[in-house]
Amino acid sequence: MTAQTETPRPVETVSTPTGLRTLRQWQTLTVRGLKKVLRNGEFVFAFIAPAFLALCFYLPLRKVMDATGDLDYGSFLMPIILLQAMSFAATSAAMRAAFDVSQGINTRFRVLPMPGWVPLAARIVTNVALLVVSMVCGVIACLIIGWRPGGGVGGTAVLFATTLGIGLLLALLADGLGLVANSPEATSQVLGLPTMILGMASTGFVPEERFPEWIQPFARNQPISQFVAVLRGADSTEPLTWSIVGPTVYWCIGIAVVAIVLIRAGVRKAGR
């Protein structure tokens, strides 16, 4: 009797559903980004930067501003401190994106079985976490120099939501710049000078009438001043009108369009 040879059964493989695999990839990259933020000390910088900015401008200018009228300079500085905190977080986002490009990490992601939006989504979550920390630290700095919420619960909620929304748009714009620039050094130069010029030549630090007459139109209409106007309006008892909100909406739409164009260009560049 000849022994019958049993036909080997095919080995059953358990495949992970595509949606679950994508979720795990997103979680892994998000954790990687958060760990990188912690390792680089960006959370510490997010705390120090708003406090340093508040003290540097509040201490030398408070007596000059308060002596010229009933201006509460601590409350007056609040919007620009929060916006500068958002810009610090956006700069960090750009540097991280540029570093990933320079190290070839994004190119490696392109050859993996992973949707192209996953790295962007992970960077967005990381940036939102840093933005929240930056805003909280900015609020603490403003409270220290004397600001108190003046718009009630609703106005304060609008204030914080608007600040985070602007910060997210700036982070997306900075992320796109980092992807296109391909160099952390170039990215810091591209972001640093415009941020400094727009911040200093805005109505965030001094009222419009304190500027020379020839530069007042620019100081009044540039994006930082428009953002400041909305935040001050949300922090007051007066209702926000379209004349205050409208310019900020238009600027935000413009920033969003530019950010989308830069991110798409950066993604195409990584795929070459």
Protein backbone atom coordinates (compact mmCIF):
# COMPACT_ATOMS: atom_id res chain seq x y z
CA MET A 1 0.00 0.00 0.00
CA THR A 2 1.38 3.23 -1.02
CA ALA A 3 1.10 6.14 1.35
CA GLN A 4 -1.06 8.91 0.06
CA THR A 5 0.64 12.23 0.11
CA GLU A 6 -1.53 14.97 1.48
CA THR A 7 -1.70 18.07 -0.64
CA PRO A 8 -0.42 20.96 1.44
CA ARG A 9 -3.02 23.59 2.21
CA PRO A 10 -2.32 27.14 1.17
CA VAL A 11 -1.29 29.30 4.04
CA GLU A 12 -4.06 31.76 4.87
CA THR A 13 -2.79 35.27 5.35
CA VAL A 14 -4.66 37.79 7.39
CA SER A 15 -4.63 41.08 5.59
CA THR A 16 -5.16 44.31 7.44
CA PRO A 17 -8.06 46.36 6.05
CA THR A 18 -6.89 49.33 4.05
CA GLY A 19 -8.66 51.85 6.27
CA LEU A 20 -7.16 50.41 9.45
CA ARG A 21 -3.68 50.30 7.92
CA THR A 22 -3.99 53.93 6.85
CA LEU A 23 -5.13 54.91 10.35
CA ARG A 24 -2.13 53.18 11.89
CA GLN A 25 0.20 54.92 9.45
CA TRP A 26 -1.32 58.29 10.37
CA GLN A 27 -0.98 57.51 14.10
CA THR A 28 2.64 56.45 13.67
CA LEU A 29 3.59 59.60 11.78
CA THR A 30 1.67 61.79 14.23
CA VAL A 31 3.46 60.26 17.21
CA ARG A 32 6.74 60.71 15.35
CA GLY A 33 5.99 64.40 14.82
CA LEU A 34 4.97 65.00 18.43
CA LYS A 35 8.09 63.25 19.71
CA LYS A 36 10.21 65.39 17.41
CA VAL A 37 8.55 68.55 18.77
CA LEU A 38 9.27 67.43 22.32
CA ARG A 39 12.84 66.40 21.51
CA ASN A 40 13.62 69.70 19.81
CA GLY A 41 12.29 71.73 22.72
CA GLU A 42 9.62 73.45 20.63
CA PHE A 43 7.06 73.27 23.43
CA VAL A 44 9.52 75.04 25.72
CA PHE A 45 10.13 77.70 23.09
CA ALA A 46 6.36 78.07 22.66
CA PHE A 47 6.17 79.04 26.33
CA ILE A 48 9.19 81.33 26.41
CA ALA A 49 8.59 83.25 23.16
CA PRO A 50 5.22 84.89 23.99
CA ALA A 51 6.33 85.78 27.52
CA PHE A 52 9.58 87.28 26.22
CA LEU A 53 7.72 89.26 23.56
CA ALA A 54 5.18 90.57 26.07
CA LEU A 55 7.80 91.73 28.53
CA CYS A 56 10.06 93.27 25.87
CA PHE A 57 7.30 95.55 24.59
CA TYR A 58 5.12 95.98 27.66
CA LEU A 59 7.80 97.11 30.11
CA PRO A 60 9.46 99.86 28.02
CA LEU A 61 6.30 101.16 26.32
CA ARG A 62 3.63 100.85 29.03
CA LYS A 63 4.32 104.16 30.75
CA VAL A 64 4.60 106.04 27.45
CA MET A 65 1.30 104.64 26.14
CA ASP A 66 -0.61 104.94 29.41
CA ALA A 67 0.55 108.53 29.91
CA THR A 68 -1.01 109.69 26.65
CA GLY A 69 -4.60 108.71 27.48
CA ASP A 70 -6.79 105.98 28.88
CA LEU A 71 -5.13 103.23 26.82
CA ASP A 72 -4.73 99.95 28.70
CA TYR A 73 -1.54 98.85 27.02
CA GLY A 74 -1.66 95.29 28.39
CA SER A 75 -5.04 94.73 26.72
CA PHE A 76 -3.88 96.60 23.64
CA LEU A 77 -0.94 94.20 23.19
CA MET A 78 -3.01 91.03 23.64
CA PRO A 79 -3.87 90.38 19.94
CA ILE A 80 -0.34 90.85 18.62
CA ILE A 81 1.10 88.62 21.35
CA LEU A 82 -1.30 85.83 20.43
CA LEU A 83 -0.59 86.29 16.72
CA GLN A 84 3.15 86.29 17.28
CA ALA A 85 2.77 83.07 19.28
CA MET A 86 0.97 81.58 16.26
CA SER A 87 3.73 82.78 13.94
CA PHE A 88 6.38 81.11 16.12
CA ALA A 89 4.49 77.82 15.82
CA ALA A 90 4.15 78.30 12.06
CA THR A 91 7.88 78.89 11.71
CA SER A 92 8.52 75.64 13.56
CA ALA A 93 6.16 73.86 11.15
CA ALA A 94 8.09 75.21 8.18
CA MET A 95 11.43 74.15 9.64
CA ARG A 96 10.19 70.61 10.29
CA ALA A 97 8.77 70.29 6.77
CA ALA A 98 11.97 71.62 5.21
CA PHE A 99 14.08 69.24 7.31
CA ASP A 100 12.03 66.23 6.17
CA VAL A 101 12.50 67.30 2.55
CA SER A 102 16.24 67.87 2.93
CA GLN A 103 16.66 64.45 4.55
CA GLY A 104 14.68 62.71 1.79
CA ILE A 105 12.01 61.49 4.21
CA ASN A 106 9.09 62.69 2.08
CA THR A 107 10.55 60.97 -0.96
CA ARG A 108 10.69 57.71 0.98
CA PHE A 109 7.07 58.14 2.00
CA ARG A 110 6.10 58.34 -1.67
CA VAL A 111 7.33 54.80 -2.39
CA LEU A 112 5.47 53.26 0.55
CA PRO A 113 1.94 51.81 0.21
CA MET A 114 0.48 54.86 1.93
CA PRO A 115 -1.95 57.54 0.73
CA GLY A 116 -0.24 60.81 -0.08
CA TRP A 117 -2.40 62.80 2.35
CA VAL A 118 -1.27 60.82 5.42
CA PRO A 119 2.03 62.70 6.05
CA LEU A 120 0.24 66.04 5.61
CA ALA A 121 -2.52 65.01 8.03
CA ALA A 122 0.07 63.92 10.59
CA ARG A 123 1.91 67.24 10.26
CA ILE A 124 -1.37 69.14 10.68
CA VAL A 125 -2.14 67.36 13.96
CA THR A 126 1.38 68.04 15.21
CA ASN A 127 1.08 71.70 14.24
CA VAL A 128 -2.33 72.03 15.91
CA ALA A 129 -0.90 70.62 19.14
CA LEU A 130 1.93 73.16 19.04
CA LEU A 131 -0.51 75.96 18.15
CA VAL A 132 -2.70 75.14 21.15
CA VAL A 133 0.29 75.14 23.49
CA SER A 134 1.53 78.42 21.98
CA MET A 135 -1.89 80.05 22.37
CA VAL A 136 -2.24 78.92 25.99
CA CYS A 137 1.20 80.30 26.77
CA GLY A 138 0.34 83.53 24.96
CA VAL A 139 -2.85 83.89 26.99
CA ILE A 140 -0.90 83.38 30.22
CA ALA A 141 1.59 86.06 29.16
CA CYS A 142 -1.28 88.46 28.39
CA LEU A 143 -2.89 87.80 31.76
CA ILE A 144 0.41 88.53 33.47
CA ILE A 145 0.67 91.98 31.86
CA GLY A 146 -2.87 92.87 32.83
CA TRP A 147 -5.21 91.73 30.07
CA ARG A 148 -8.62 90.45 31.14
CA PRO A 149 -11.24 89.01 28.74
CA GLY A 150 -13.72 91.75 27.90
CA GLY A 151 -16.01 90.09 25.38
CA GLY A 152 -17.81 87.67 27.66
CA VAL A 153 -17.94 83.93 27.11
CA GLY A 154 -19.03 84.20 23.47
CA GLY A 155 -16.52 86.87 22.56
CA THR A 156 -13.68 85.03 24.25
CA ALA A 157 -14.62 81.82 22.41
CA VAL A 158 -14.58 83.74 19.11
CA LEU A 159 -11.24 85.27 20.08
CA PHE A 160 -9.59 81.92 20.72
CA ALA A 161 -11.22 80.18 17.73
CA THR A 162 -10.13 82.98 15.39
CA THR A 163 -6.61 82.90 16.78
CA LEU A 164 -6.34 79.15 16.23
CA GLY A 165 -7.87 79.41 12.76
CA ILE A 166 -5.38 82.06 11.70
CA GLY A 167 -2.57 80.04 13.27
CA LEU A 168 -3.59 76.92 11.35
CA LEU A 169 -3.63 78.83 8.06
CA LEU A 170 -0.19 80.27 8.81
CA ALA A 171 1.07 76.78 9.70
CA LEU A 172 -0.25 75.39 6.39
CA LEU A 173 1.37 78.25 4.50
CA ALA A 174 4.63 77.69 6.36
CA ASP A 175 4.41 73.93 5.74
CA GLY A 176 4.09 74.58 2.02
CA LEU A 177 7.03 76.97 2.08
CA GLY A 178 9.11 74.36 3.88
CA LEU A 179 8.25 71.71 1.29
CA VAL A 180 9.17 73.98 -1.61
CA ALA A 181 12.24 75.63 -0.06
CA ASN A 182 13.96 72.27 0.54
CA SER A 183 16.31 73.94 3.04
CA PRO A 184 15.70 74.81 6.72
CA GLU A 185 18.09 77.76 6.44
CA ALA A 186 16.32 79.22 3.40
CA THR A 187 12.95 78.67 5.05
CA SER A 188 13.92 80.61 8.15
CA GLN A 189 15.10 83.52 5.99
CA VAL A 190 11.93 83.52 3.87
CA LEU A 191 9.68 83.58 6.94
CA GLY A 192 11.72 85.68 9.34
CA LEU A 193 11.99 89.01 7.51
CA PRO A 194 8.35 89.38 6.34
CA THR A 195 7.04 88.38 9.77
CA MET A 196 9.24 90.94 11.49
CA ILE A 197 8.37 93.75 9.06
CA LEU A 198 4.62 93.11 9.10
CA GLY A 199 4.58 92.74 12.87
CA MET A 200 6.46 95.94 13.59
CA ALA A 201 4.58 97.98 10.95
CA SER A 202 1.18 96.96 12.27
CA THR A 203 -1.35 98.40 14.69
CA GLY A 204 -0.56 95.59 17.11
CA PHE A 205 2.12 97.49 19.04
CA VAL A 206 1.10 101.13 18.59
CA PRO A 207 -2.13 102.79 17.43
CA GLU A 208 -2.45 103.78 13.81
CA GLU A 209 -2.26 107.53 14.54
CA ARG A 210 1.23 107.08 16.06
CA PHE A 211 2.66 106.08 12.68
CA PRO A 212 3.92 108.69 10.19
CA GLU A 213 1.08 109.77 7.95
CA TRP A 214 2.66 108.36 4.80
CA ILE A 215 2.74 104.78 6.17
CA GLN A 216 -0.63 104.78 7.95
CA PRO A 217 -2.56 103.25 4.99
CA PHE A 218 -0.13 100.32 4.86
CA ALA A 219 -0.13 99.86 8.65
CA ARG A 220 -3.93 99.91 8.68
CA ASN A 221 -4.65 97.55 5.78
CA GLN A 222 -1.92 94.93 5.96
CA PRO A 223 -2.99 91.44 7.15
CA ILE A 224 -1.52 91.55 10.68
CA SER A 225 -3.40 94.78 11.45
CA GLN A 226 -6.63 93.31 10.07
CA PHE A 227 -6.22 90.21 12.22
CA VAL A 228 -5.53 92.42 15.24
CA ALA A 229 -8.70 94.41 14.55
CA VAL A 230 -10.85 91.26 14.57
CA LEU A 231 -9.31 89.97 17.80
CA ARG A 232 -9.81 93.32 19.49
CA GLY A 233 -13.40 93.40 18.25
CA ALA A 234 -14.06 89.93 19.65
CA ASP A 235 -12.61 91.04 22.98
CA SER A 236 -14.98 94.01 23.28
CA THR A 237 -18.66 94.38 24.07
CA GLU A 238 -19.35 95.88 20.65
CA PRO A 239 -20.73 93.46 18.01
CA LEU A 240 -18.44 92.45 15.20
CA THR A 241 -19.44 93.96 11.86
CA TRP A 242 -18.56 92.92 8.33
CA SER A 243 -16.40 96.02 7.93
CA ILE A 244 -14.14 94.55 10.64
CA VAL A 245 -14.44 90.87 9.77
CA GLY A 246 -14.50 91.13 5.97
CA PRO A 247 -10.85 92.06 5.33
CA THR A 248 -9.69 89.23 7.59
CA VAL A 249 -11.88 86.75 5.72
CA TYR A 250 -10.42 87.87 2.39
CA TRP A 251 -6.85 87.67 3.70
CA CYS A 252 -7.51 84.19 5.11
CA ILE A 253 -8.90 83.00 1.76
CA GLY A 254 -5.81 84.34 0.03
CA ILE A 255 -3.49 82.64 2.51
CA ALA A 256 -5.39 79.36 2.11
CA VAL A 257 -5.10 79.49 -1.69
CA VAL A 258 -1.36 80.18 -1.57
CA ALA A 259 -0.88 77.42 1.03
CA ILE A 260 -2.70 74.86 -1.16
CA VAL A 261 -0.63 75.82 -4.20
CA LEU A 262 2.64 75.53 -2.26
CA ILE A 263 1.72 72.20 -0.65
CA ARG A 264 0.72 70.71 -4.02
CA ALA A 265 3.98 71.97 -5.53
CA GLY A 266 5.93 70.47 -2.65
CA VAL A 267 4.18 67.10 -2.99
CA ARG A 268 4.88 67.03 -6.74
CA LYS A 269 8.49 67.91 -6.08
CA ALA A 270 8.86 65.00 -3.66
CA GLY A 271 7.38 62.62 -6.21
CA ARG A 272 9.96 63.37 -8.90
